[in-house]
C-alpha atoms as a PDB file:
ATOM      1  CA  MET A   1     116.566  78.116 181.466  1.00  0.00           C
ATOM      2  CA  PRO A   2     119.386  75.490 181.459  1.00  0.00           C
ATOM      3  CA  SER A   3     119.203  75.358 177.762  1.00  0.00           C
ATOM      4  CA  LEU A   4     119.600  79.440 177.620  1.00  0.00           C
ATOM      5  CA  ILE A   5     122.930  78.738 179.577  1.00  0.00           C
ATOM      6  CA  ILE A   6     124.107  76.098 177.476  1.00  0.00           C
ATOM      7  CA  ILE A   7     123.706  78.420 174.539  1.00  0.00           C
ATOM      8  CA  VAL A   8     125.638  80.972 176.143  1.00  0.00           C
ATOM      9  CA  ALA A   9     128.133  79.042 177.356  1.00  0.00           C
ATOM     10  CA  MET A  10     128.913  77.551 173.780  1.00  0.00           C
ATOM     11  CA  PHE A  11     128.805  80.984 172.245  1.00  0.00           C
ATOM     12  CA  ALA A  12     131.369  81.952 174.624  1.00  0.00           C
ATOM     13  CA  LEU A  13     133.467  78.984 174.264  1.00  0.00           C
ATOM     14  CA  LEU A  14     132.983  79.905 170.194  1.00  0.00           C
ATOM     15  CA  TRP A  15     134.146  83.151 171.086  1.00  0.00           C
ATOM     16  CA  PHE A  16     137.348  82.480 172.837  1.00  0.00           C
ATOM     17  CA  LEU A  17     138.556  79.580 170.772  1.00  0.00           C
ATOM     18  CA  MET A  18     137.653  80.893 166.912  1.00  0.00           C
ATOM     19  CA  ILE A  19     136.805  84.488 167.024  1.00  0.00           C
ATOM     20  CA  ARG A  20     139.224  86.085 169.099  1.00  0.00           C
ATOM     21  CA  PRO A  21     142.420  84.215 167.874  1.00  0.00           C
ATOM     22  CA  GLN A  22     141.271  85.299 164.293  1.00  0.00           C
ATOM     23  CA  ARG A  23     141.085  88.568 165.401  1.00  0.00           C
ATOM     24  CA  ALA A  24     144.500  88.473 166.584  1.00  0.00           C
ATOM     25  CA  LYS A  25     146.094  87.242 163.171  1.00  0.00           C
ATOM     26  CA  GLN A  26     144.254  90.173 161.425  1.00  0.00           C
ATOM     27  CA  GLN A  27     145.798  92.660 163.846  1.00  0.00           C
ATOM     28  CA  ALA A  28     149.289  91.049 163.230  1.00  0.00           C
ATOM     29  CA  GLN A  29     148.891  91.050 159.877  1.00  0.00           C
ATOM     30  CA  ARG A  30     147.676  94.688 159.881  1.00  0.00           C
ATOM     31  CA  ARG A  31     150.465  95.734 161.912  1.00  0.00           C
ATOM     32  CA  MET A  32     152.883  94.060 159.612  1.00  0.00           C
ATOM     33  CA  LEU A  33     151.496  95.699 156.744  1.00  0.00           C
ATOM     34  CA  ASP A  34     151.840  99.145 158.169  1.00  0.00           C
ATOM     35  CA  THR A  35     155.329  98.673 158.956  1.00  0.00           C
ATOM     36  CA  VAL A  36     156.384  97.728 155.287  1.00  0.00           C
ATOM     37  CA  ALA A  37     159.030 100.196 154.030  1.00  0.00           C
ATOM     38  CA  PRO A  38     161.470 100.670 151.117  1.00  0.00           C
ATOM     39  CA  GLY A  39     164.232  98.157 151.174  1.00  0.00           C
ATOM     40  CA  ASP A  40     162.157  95.282 152.958  1.00  0.00           C
ATOM     41  CA  GLU A  41     161.986  91.991 151.185  1.00  0.00           C
ATOM     42  CA  ILE A  42     158.457  90.570 151.004  1.00  0.00           C
ATOM     43  CA  LEU A  43     157.128  87.698 149.956  1.00  0.00           C
ATOM     44  CA  THR A  44     153.252  88.105 148.293  1.00  0.00           C
ATOM     45  CA  VAL A  45     150.046  85.776 148.410  1.00  0.00           C
ATOM     46  CA  GLY A  46     150.715  84.753 145.005  1.00  0.00           C
ATOM     47  CA  GLY A  47     154.141  83.396 145.756  1.00  0.00           C
ATOM     48  CA  LEU A  48     156.236  86.345 144.053  1.00  0.00           C
ATOM     49  CA  TYR A  49     159.623  87.279 146.222  1.00  0.00           C
ATOM     50  CA  GLY A  50     160.570  90.813 145.919  1.00  0.00           C
ATOM     51  CA  ILE A  51     161.926  93.926 147.422  1.00  0.00           C
ATOM     52  CA  VAL A  52     160.000  96.843 148.127  1.00  0.00           C
ATOM     53  CA  GLN A  53     161.396  99.826 145.988  1.00  0.00           C
ATOM     54  CA  GLU A  54     158.923 102.717 146.912  1.00  0.00           C
ATOM     55  CA  LEU A  55     155.542 103.199 148.377  1.00  0.00           C
ATOM     56  CA  ASP A  56     152.800 104.322 145.836  1.00  0.00           C
ATOM     57  CA  GLU A  57     150.434 107.048 146.736  1.00  0.00           C
ATOM     58  CA  ASP A  58     147.584 104.879 146.562  1.00  0.00           C
ATOM     59  CA  GLY A  59     149.077 102.637 148.949  1.00  0.00           C
ATOM     60  CA  ASP A  60     150.469 100.344 146.712  1.00  0.00           C
ATOM     61  CA  LEU A  61     153.989  98.949 146.793  1.00  0.00           C
ATOM     62  CA  ILE A  62     156.566  99.179 144.050  1.00  0.00           C
ATOM     63  CA  VAL A  63     158.228  95.689 144.387  1.00  0.00           C
ATOM     64  CA  GLU A  64     161.667  94.741 142.189  1.00  0.00           C
ATOM     65  CA  VAL A  65     161.034  91.230 141.317  1.00  0.00           C
ATOM     66  CA  ALA A  66     164.038  90.805 139.276  1.00  0.00           C
ATOM     67  CA  GLU A  67     166.951  93.190 138.577  1.00  0.00           C
ATOM     68  CA  GLY A  68     165.170  95.809 136.459  1.00  0.00           C
ATOM     69  CA  ILE A  69     161.696  94.434 136.742  1.00  0.00           C
ATOM     70  CA  HIS A  70     159.282  96.546 138.911  1.00  0.00           C
ATOM     71  CA  VAL A  71     155.660  95.524 139.626  1.00  0.00           C
ATOM     72  CA  ARG A  72     153.019  97.267 141.265  1.00  0.00           C
ATOM     73  CA  VAL A  73     151.575  95.184 144.412  1.00  0.00           C
ATOM     74  CA  ALA A  74     148.353  95.882 146.504  1.00  0.00           C
ATOM     75  CA  ARG A  75     149.439  96.483 149.986  1.00  0.00           C
ATOM     76  CA  ARG A  76     147.027  93.657 151.350  1.00  0.00           C
ATOM     77  CA  ALA A  77     148.642  91.224 148.578  1.00  0.00           C
ATOM     78  CA  VAL A  78     151.694  90.983 150.835  1.00  0.00           C
ATOM     79  CA  ALA A  79     151.683  87.838 152.662  1.00  0.00           C
ATOM     80  CA  THR A  80     154.909  88.214 155.127  1.00  0.00           C
ATOM     81  CA  LEU A  81     157.900  90.007 155.339  1.00  0.00           C
ATOM     82  CA  VAL A  82     160.996  87.824 154.696  1.00  0.00           C
ATOM     83  CA  LYS A  83     164.019  87.549 157.323  1.00  0.00           C
ATOM     84  CA  PRO A  84     166.980  87.927 155.497  1.00  0.00           C
ATOM     85  CA  ASP A  85     168.961  86.570 158.596  1.00  0.00           C
ATOM     86  CA  ASP A  86     167.297  83.165 158.311  1.00  0.00           C
ATOM     87  CA  GLU A  87     167.687  82.671 154.969  1.00  0.00           C
ATOM     88  CA  GLU A  88     171.100  83.858 154.834  1.00  0.00           C
ATOM     89  CA  ALA A  89     172.197  81.521 157.379  1.00  0.00           C
ATOM     90  CA  ASP A  90     170.489  78.516 155.920  1.00  0.00           C
ATOM     91  CA  GLU A  91     172.087  79.395 152.658  1.00  0.00           C
ATOM     92  CA  ASP A  92     175.476  79.395 154.354  1.00  0.00           C
ATOM     93  CA  ALA A  93     175.081  76.138 156.135  1.00  0.00           C
ATOM     94  CA  ALA A  94     174.244  74.332 153.195  1.00  0.00           C
ATOM     95  CA  ASP A  95     177.216  75.958 151.051  1.00  0.00           C
ATOM     96  CA  ALA A  96     179.435  74.997 154.111  1.00  0.00           C
ATOM     97  CA  ALA A  97     178.160  71.384 153.964  1.00  0.00           C
ATOM     98  CA  ASP A  98     178.605  71.393 150.307  1.00  0.00           C
ATOM     99  CA  ALA A  99     182.148  72.401 150.757  1.00  0.00           C
ATOM    100  CA  ALA A 100     183.071  69.834 153.048  1.00  0.00           C
ATOM    101  CA  ASP A 101     181.458  67.165 151.053  1.00  0.00           C
ATOM    102  CA  ASP A 102     183.505  68.366 147.914  1.00  0.00           C
ATOM    103  CA  GLN A 103     186.794  68.293 150.004  1.00  0.00           C
ATOM    104  CA  ALA A 104     186.033  64.759 151.422  1.00  0.00           C
ATOM    105  CA  GLY A 105     186.120  63.233 147.996  1.00  0.00           C
ATOM    106  CA  ASP A 106     183.791  60.431 149.006  1.00  0.00           C
ATOM    107  CA  ASP A 107     180.912  59.486 147.238  1.00  0.00           C
ATOM    108  CA  ILE A 108     178.260  60.558 150.155  1.00  0.00           C
ATOM    109  CA  VAL A 109     174.582  59.585 149.563  1.00  0.00           C
ATOM    110  CA  ASP A 110     172.212  60.541 152.448  1.00  0.00           C
ATOM    111  CA  GLY A 111     174.990  60.932 154.748  1.00  0.00           C
ATOM    112  CA  GLU A 112     176.509  57.149 154.171  1.00  0.00           C
ATOM    113  CA  VAL A 113     179.388  56.570 152.171  1.00  0.00           C
ATOM    114  CA  GLU A 114     178.973  54.709 149.177  1.00  0.00           C
ATOM    115  CA  PRO A 115     180.952  51.156 149.105  1.00  0.00           C
ATOM    116  CA  GLU A 116     183.308  50.638 146.090  1.00  0.00           C
ATOM    117  CA  TYR A 117     182.869  47.230 144.932  1.00  0.00           C
ATOM    118  CA  GLU A 118     185.885  45.350 143.000  1.00  0.00           C
ATOM    119  CA  GLU A 119     185.484  42.379 140.743  1.00  0.00           C
ATOM    120  CA  ASN A 120     186.451  38.805 141.765  1.00  0.00           C
ATOM    121  CA  ALA A 121     188.006  36.197 139.467  1.00  0.00           C
ATOM    122  CA  GLU A 122     184.474  35.019 138.038  1.00  0.00           C
ATOM    123  CA  GLY A 123     183.679  38.704 136.781  1.00  0.00           C
ATOM    124  CA  THR A 124     181.022  39.369 139.351  1.00  0.00           C
ATOM    125  CA  SER A 125     181.459  42.204 141.552  1.00  0.00           C
ATOM    126  CA  ALA A 126     181.052  41.930 145.343  1.00  0.00           C
ATOM    127  CA  ALA A 127     177.168  43.135 145.025  1.00  0.00           C
ATOM    128  CA  GLY A 128     176.790  40.456 142.780  1.00  0.00           C
ATOM    129  CA  VAL A 129     176.418  42.468 139.558  1.00  0.00           C
ATOM    130  CA  HIS A 130     177.889  40.961 136.383  1.00  0.00           C
ATOM    131  CA  GLU A 131     179.541  43.194 134.336  1.00  0.00           C
ATOM    132  CA  VAL A 132     178.101  43.415 130.728  1.00  0.00           C
ATOM    133  CA  LYS A 133     180.978  42.882 128.345  1.00  0.00           C
ATOM    134  CA  ASN A 134     178.885  42.307 125.351  1.00  0.00           C
ATOM    135  CA  GLU A 135     175.442  43.835 124.211  1.00  0.00           C
ATOM    136  CA  GLU A 136     174.454  40.625 123.201  1.00  0.00           C
ATOM    137  CA  ASP A 137     174.926  38.934 126.564  1.00  0.00           C
ATOM    138  CA  SER A 138     173.007  41.521 128.460  1.00  0.00           C
ATOM    139  CA  VAL A 139     169.422  41.101 126.455  1.00  0.00           C
ATOM    140  CA  LYS A 140     167.533  38.017 127.405  1.00  0.00           C
ATOM    141  CA  ASP A 141     164.445  36.664 125.488  1.00  0.00           C
ATOM    142  CA  VAL A 142     162.125  36.362 128.376  1.00  0.00           C
ATOM    143  CA  ALA A 143     159.105  36.480 126.490  1.00  0.00           C
ATOM    144  CA  SER A 144     159.508  33.559 124.263  1.00  0.00           C
ATOM    145  CA  THR A 145     160.455  31.091 127.342  1.00  0.00           C
ATOM    146  CA  PRO A 146     158.245  30.913 130.443  1.00  0.00           C
ATOM    147  CA  ALA A 147     159.946  30.867 133.745  1.00  0.00           C
ATOM    148  CA  THR A 148     160.168  27.552 135.645  1.00  0.00           C
ATOM    149  CA  PRO A 149     158.899  27.735 139.219  1.00  0.00           C
ATOM    150  CA  GLU A 150     162.391  27.615 140.436  1.00  0.00           C
ATOM    151  CA  GLU A 151     163.399  30.794 138.624  1.00  0.00           C
ATOM    152  CA  ARG A 152     160.143  32.675 139.733  1.00  0.00           C
ATOM    153  CA  SER A 153     161.454  32.112 143.206  1.00  0.00           C
END
């Protein structure tokens, strides 16, 4: 008798943790598919973005994926409706940040201003980099002479 109670309890736990949330997701997807109308921007399960132009008599969607390019998509192949407000807000924020960077005129990398280095009298910049004035100076034949232990460290 106690083993029967454990089995029933496990089934109830499985129902509440796995089956019930899955059914709720399926119902939400079905409601979303029923509300698709012409003019909505969608994302298909194949990764295509497009704007619904019309609904077919078979229940399929005619979707414009590019200017003048229409494809027929099964209604169940729609993954989600794209919210234009979120996408436009993200683009506007990115454009504003790019415009601010362009106006600043500084070389900004990852939010930090890139320092400018000046050469000292020895021809070495503050970063310790030598300027190559002759191409022959930049080529070392390291394969012919092994490095000494002092050079290795």
